[in-house]
C-alpha atoms as a PDB file:
ATOM      1  CA  MET A   1     -79.576 -73.593   2.655  1.00  0.00           C
ATOM      2  CA  GLU A   2     -75.907 -74.292   2.032  1.00  0.00           C
ATOM      3  CA  GLN A   3     -73.959 -75.808   4.898  1.00  0.00           C
ATOM      4  CA  ALA A   4     -71.586 -73.295   6.522  1.00  0.00           C
ATOM      5  CA  LYS A   5     -67.938 -74.394   6.499  1.00  0.00           C
ATOM      6  CA  ILE A   6     -65.745 -73.771   9.547  1.00  0.00           C
ATOM      7  CA  LEU A   7     -61.981 -74.141   9.956  1.00  0.00           C
ATOM      8  CA  ILE A   8     -60.775 -74.849  13.498  1.00  0.00           C
ATOM      9  CA  ILE A   9     -57.076 -74.097  14.058  1.00  0.00           C
ATOM     10  CA  GLU A  10     -56.258 -75.547  17.478  1.00  0.00           C
ATOM     11  CA  ASP A  11     -53.133 -77.441  18.583  1.00  0.00           C
ATOM     12  CA  ASP A  12     -54.902 -79.330  21.394  1.00  0.00           C
ATOM     13  CA  GLU A  13     -56.201 -82.429  19.597  1.00  0.00           C
ATOM     14  CA  THR A  14     -58.841 -83.184  22.238  1.00  0.00           C
ATOM     15  CA  LEU A  15     -60.299 -79.673  22.041  1.00  0.00           C
ATOM     16  CA  ARG A  16     -60.115 -79.619  18.247  1.00  0.00           C
ATOM     17  CA  LYS A  17     -62.025 -82.913  18.013  1.00  0.00           C
ATOM     18  CA  MET A  18     -64.549 -81.842  20.646  1.00  0.00           C
ATOM     19  CA  TYR A  19     -65.361 -78.575  18.853  1.00  0.00           C
ATOM     20  CA  SER A  20     -65.367 -80.276  15.449  1.00  0.00           C
ATOM     21  CA  GLU A  21     -67.836 -82.933  16.585  1.00  0.00           C
ATOM     22  CA  ARG A  22     -70.091 -80.370  18.235  1.00  0.00           C
ATOM     23  CA  PHE A  23     -70.191 -78.139  15.154  1.00  0.00           C
ATOM     24  CA  GLN A  24     -70.821 -81.165  12.918  1.00  0.00           C
ATOM     25  CA  MET A  25     -73.765 -82.103  15.159  1.00  0.00           C
ATOM     26  CA  GLU A  26     -75.129 -78.631  14.434  1.00  0.00           C
ATOM     27  CA  GLY A  27     -74.876 -79.246  10.689  1.00  0.00           C
ATOM     28  CA  PHE A  28     -71.628 -77.437   9.934  1.00  0.00           C
ATOM     29  CA  SER A  29     -68.892 -78.767   7.674  1.00  0.00           C
ATOM     30  CA  VAL A  30     -65.633 -78.650   9.663  1.00  0.00           C
ATOM     31  CA  ASP A  31     -61.936 -78.919   8.879  1.00  0.00           C
ATOM     32  CA  GLY A  32     -59.294 -78.953  11.599  1.00  0.00           C
ATOM     33  CA  ALA A  33     -55.658 -77.890  11.658  1.00  0.00           C
ATOM     34  CA  SER A  34     -53.168 -78.625  14.440  1.00  0.00           C
ATOM     35  CA  ASN A  35     -50.902 -75.591  14.017  1.00  0.00           C
ATOM     36  CA  GLY A  36     -50.757 -72.165  12.404  1.00  0.00           C
ATOM     37  CA  GLU A  37     -48.893 -73.211   9.265  1.00  0.00           C
ATOM     38  CA  GLU A  38     -51.315 -76.046   8.556  1.00  0.00           C
ATOM     39  CA  GLY A  39     -54.222 -73.701   9.288  1.00  0.00           C
ATOM     40  CA  LEU A  40     -52.989 -71.169   6.742  1.00  0.00           C
ATOM     41  CA  ASP A  41     -52.648 -73.944   4.146  1.00  0.00           C
ATOM     42  CA  TYR A  42     -56.255 -74.979   4.757  1.00  0.00           C
ATOM     43  CA  ALA A  43     -57.452 -71.371   4.664  1.00  0.00           C
ATOM     44  CA  LYS A  44     -55.719 -70.744   1.323  1.00  0.00           C
ATOM     45  CA  SER A  45     -57.055 -73.923  -0.285  1.00  0.00           C
ATOM     46  CA  GLY A  46     -60.652 -73.846   0.953  1.00  0.00           C
ATOM     47  CA  VAL A  47     -63.564 -71.495   1.162  1.00  0.00           C
ATOM     48  CA  TYR A  48     -64.615 -71.008   4.783  1.00  0.00           C
ATOM     49  CA  ASN A  49     -67.509 -69.090   6.280  1.00  0.00           C
ATOM     50  CA  LEU A  50     -65.662 -68.713   9.588  1.00  0.00           C
ATOM     51  CA  ILE A  51     -62.315 -69.584  11.186  1.00  0.00           C
ATOM     52  CA  ILE A  52     -61.883 -70.450  14.869  1.00  0.00           C
ATOM     53  CA  LEU A  53     -58.296 -69.714  15.876  1.00  0.00           C
ATOM     54  CA  ASP A  54     -56.295 -70.530  18.991  1.00  0.00           C
ATOM     55  CA  VAL A  55     -53.618 -68.023  20.054  1.00  0.00           C
ATOM     56  CA  MET A  56     -50.850 -70.182  21.540  1.00  0.00           C
ATOM     57  CA  MET A  57     -49.721 -72.785  19.004  1.00  0.00           C
ATOM     58  CA  PRO A  58     -46.488 -74.315  17.750  1.00  0.00           C
ATOM     59  CA  LYS A  59     -44.773 -73.139  14.545  1.00  0.00           C
ATOM     60  CA  MET A  60     -46.838 -69.955  14.255  1.00  0.00           C
ATOM     61  CA  SER A  61     -48.929 -68.117  16.859  1.00  0.00           C
ATOM     62  CA  GLY A  62     -52.588 -67.370  16.353  1.00  0.00           C
ATOM     63  CA  MET A  63     -51.793 -63.658  16.156  1.00  0.00           C
ATOM     64  CA  GLU A  64     -49.358 -64.313  13.302  1.00  0.00           C
ATOM     65  CA  VAL A  65     -51.963 -66.447  11.551  1.00  0.00           C
ATOM     66  CA  LEU A  66     -54.600 -63.734  12.031  1.00  0.00           C
ATOM     67  CA  GLU A  67     -52.327 -61.086  10.542  1.00  0.00           C
ATOM     68  CA  GLN A  68     -51.633 -63.273   7.508  1.00  0.00           C
ATOM     69  CA  LEU A  69     -55.308 -64.177   7.053  1.00  0.00           C
ATOM     70  CA  LYS A  70     -56.268 -60.494   7.039  1.00  0.00           C
ATOM     71  CA  ALA A  71     -53.457 -59.669   4.584  1.00  0.00           C
ATOM     72  CA  MET A  72     -54.486 -62.256   1.956  1.00  0.00           C
ATOM     73  CA  ALA A  73     -57.169 -61.334  -0.573  1.00  0.00           C
ATOM     74  CA  GLU A  74     -58.795 -64.788  -0.423  1.00  0.00           C
ATOM     75  CA  THR A  75     -59.198 -64.781   3.368  1.00  0.00           C
ATOM     76  CA  LYS A  76     -59.322 -61.124   4.451  1.00  0.00           C
ATOM     77  CA  ASP A  77     -63.136 -61.087   4.669  1.00  0.00           C
ATOM     78  CA  VAL A  78     -63.540 -64.424   6.476  1.00  0.00           C
ATOM     79  CA  PRO A  79     -64.652 -63.768  10.075  1.00  0.00           C
ATOM     80  CA  VAL A  80     -62.152 -65.049  12.641  1.00  0.00           C
ATOM     81  CA  VAL A  81     -63.147 -65.985  16.191  1.00  0.00           C
ATOM     82  CA  MET A  82     -60.203 -66.184  18.576  1.00  0.00           C
ATOM     83  CA  LEU A  83     -60.623 -69.015  21.101  1.00  0.00           C
ATOM     84  CA  THR A  84     -57.898 -69.052  23.713  1.00  0.00           C
ATOM     85  CA  ALA A  85     -56.888 -69.399  27.323  1.00  0.00           C
ATOM     86  CA  LEU A  86     -55.289 -65.942  27.279  1.00  0.00           C
ATOM     87  CA  SER A  87     -57.346 -62.913  28.193  1.00  0.00           C
ATOM     88  CA  ALA A  88     -54.536 -60.385  27.731  1.00  0.00           C
ATOM     89  CA  LEU A  89     -54.606 -60.364  23.915  1.00  0.00           C
ATOM     90  CA  GLN A  90     -58.298 -59.551  23.463  1.00  0.00           C
ATOM     91  CA  ILE A  91     -57.912 -55.929  22.344  1.00  0.00           C
ATOM     92  CA  LYS A  92     -54.914 -56.662  20.112  1.00  0.00           C
ATOM     93  CA  SER A  93     -56.849 -59.516  18.435  1.00  0.00           C
ATOM     94  CA  LEU A  94     -59.892 -57.386  17.783  1.00  0.00           C
ATOM     95  CA  VAL A  95     -57.781 -54.538  16.420  1.00  0.00           C
ATOM     96  CA  ALA A  96     -55.966 -57.033  14.163  1.00  0.00           C
ATOM     97  CA  GLY A  97     -59.274 -58.098  12.625  1.00  0.00           C
ATOM     98  CA  ALA A  98     -60.860 -60.815  14.760  1.00  0.00           C
ATOM     99  CA  VAL A  99     -64.642 -60.463  15.063  1.00  0.00           C
ATOM    100  CA  GLU A 100     -64.904 -62.196  18.437  1.00  0.00           C
ATOM    101  CA  TYR A 101     -62.557 -63.202  21.252  1.00  0.00           C
ATOM    102  CA  LEU A 102     -63.625 -66.106  23.465  1.00  0.00           C
ATOM    103  CA  ILE A 103     -61.753 -67.360  26.516  1.00  0.00           C
ATOM    104  CA  LYS A 104     -61.879 -71.164  26.742  1.00  0.00           C
ATOM    105  CA  SER A 105     -62.330 -71.319  30.516  1.00  0.00           C
ATOM    106  CA  GLU A 106     -65.228 -68.833  30.391  1.00  0.00           C
ATOM    107  CA  ASN A 107     -67.215 -70.434  27.542  1.00  0.00           C
ATOM    108  CA  SER A 108     -68.705 -73.917  27.318  1.00  0.00           C
ATOM    109  CA  VAL A 109     -68.749 -75.712  23.982  1.00  0.00           C
ATOM    110  CA  ASP A 110     -72.453 -74.864  23.643  1.00  0.00           C
ATOM    111  CA  GLU A 111     -71.703 -71.179  24.296  1.00  0.00           C
ATOM    112  CA  VAL A 112     -68.963 -71.202  21.645  1.00  0.00           C
ATOM    113  CA  VAL A 113     -71.362 -72.797  19.151  1.00  0.00           C
ATOM    114  CA  SER A 114     -74.034 -70.186  19.947  1.00  0.00           C
ATOM    115  CA  LYS A 115     -71.584 -67.304  19.575  1.00  0.00           C
ATOM    116  CA  VAL A 116     -70.247 -68.672  16.276  1.00  0.00           C
ATOM    117  CA  LYS A 117     -73.810 -68.982  14.967  1.00  0.00           C
ATOM    118  CA  ALA A 118     -74.425 -65.355  15.957  1.00  0.00           C
ATOM    119  CA  VAL A 119     -71.271 -64.231  14.119  1.00  0.00           C
ATOM    120  CA  LEU A 120     -72.298 -66.153  10.993  1.00  0.00           C
ATOM    121  CA  ALA A 121     -75.792 -64.613  11.118  1.00  0.00           C
ATOM    122  CA  ARG A 122     -74.282 -61.136  11.488  1.00  0.00           C
ATOM    123  CA  GLU A 123     -71.862 -61.643   8.606  1.00  0.00           C
ATOM    124  CA  LYS A 124     -74.528 -62.642   6.057  1.00  0.00           C
END
């Protein structure tokens, strides 16, 4: 089976590394971006099975990134999981095209990995 490729767009370096390492331990190929602009560049240049996207980031918010991802032909069908500290944007994110909305403080790394695996299984 081909290794699923995940893009993590998260400005907190510690969190980005922690999630990247955990997903790599599970056999995923992972790229990481530290802001929305960099994340969009990665998304345009690579083929990803799933994108994990933070909401509050410098240069471009996660909501702006999500809107652009869903507007581009090459990324519109890639499932996006919003991972954030904000609970207020859940409905807006889902309406804008996110497939899942996870609140950092309410989900352990293992729970995030499990939920991402479930999304990938659903999207096959």
